[in-house]
């Protein structure tokens, strides 16, 4: 049964891909609050991967200190 189910899945996937390549891409819906339509996956940039990775996360103590500095006007 598992083998036949796999074959049905492969056949359905092939049929879907055949139809998908022939149908023109429609524009993505744009939410009212957005400045434009969302980018397609091939249009988005990817973060650089490597070691060590750079992050903007802060430790809990750093968050409190940064908030205090922003409220005091010492930091943007």
Foldseek 3Di string as FASTA:
>chain_A
DVVVVVVVVVVVVVVVVVVVVVDDDDFADDDPPDPDGDDDPVPDDDDDDDPPDDDPDDDPVVVVVVVVCVVVVNHD
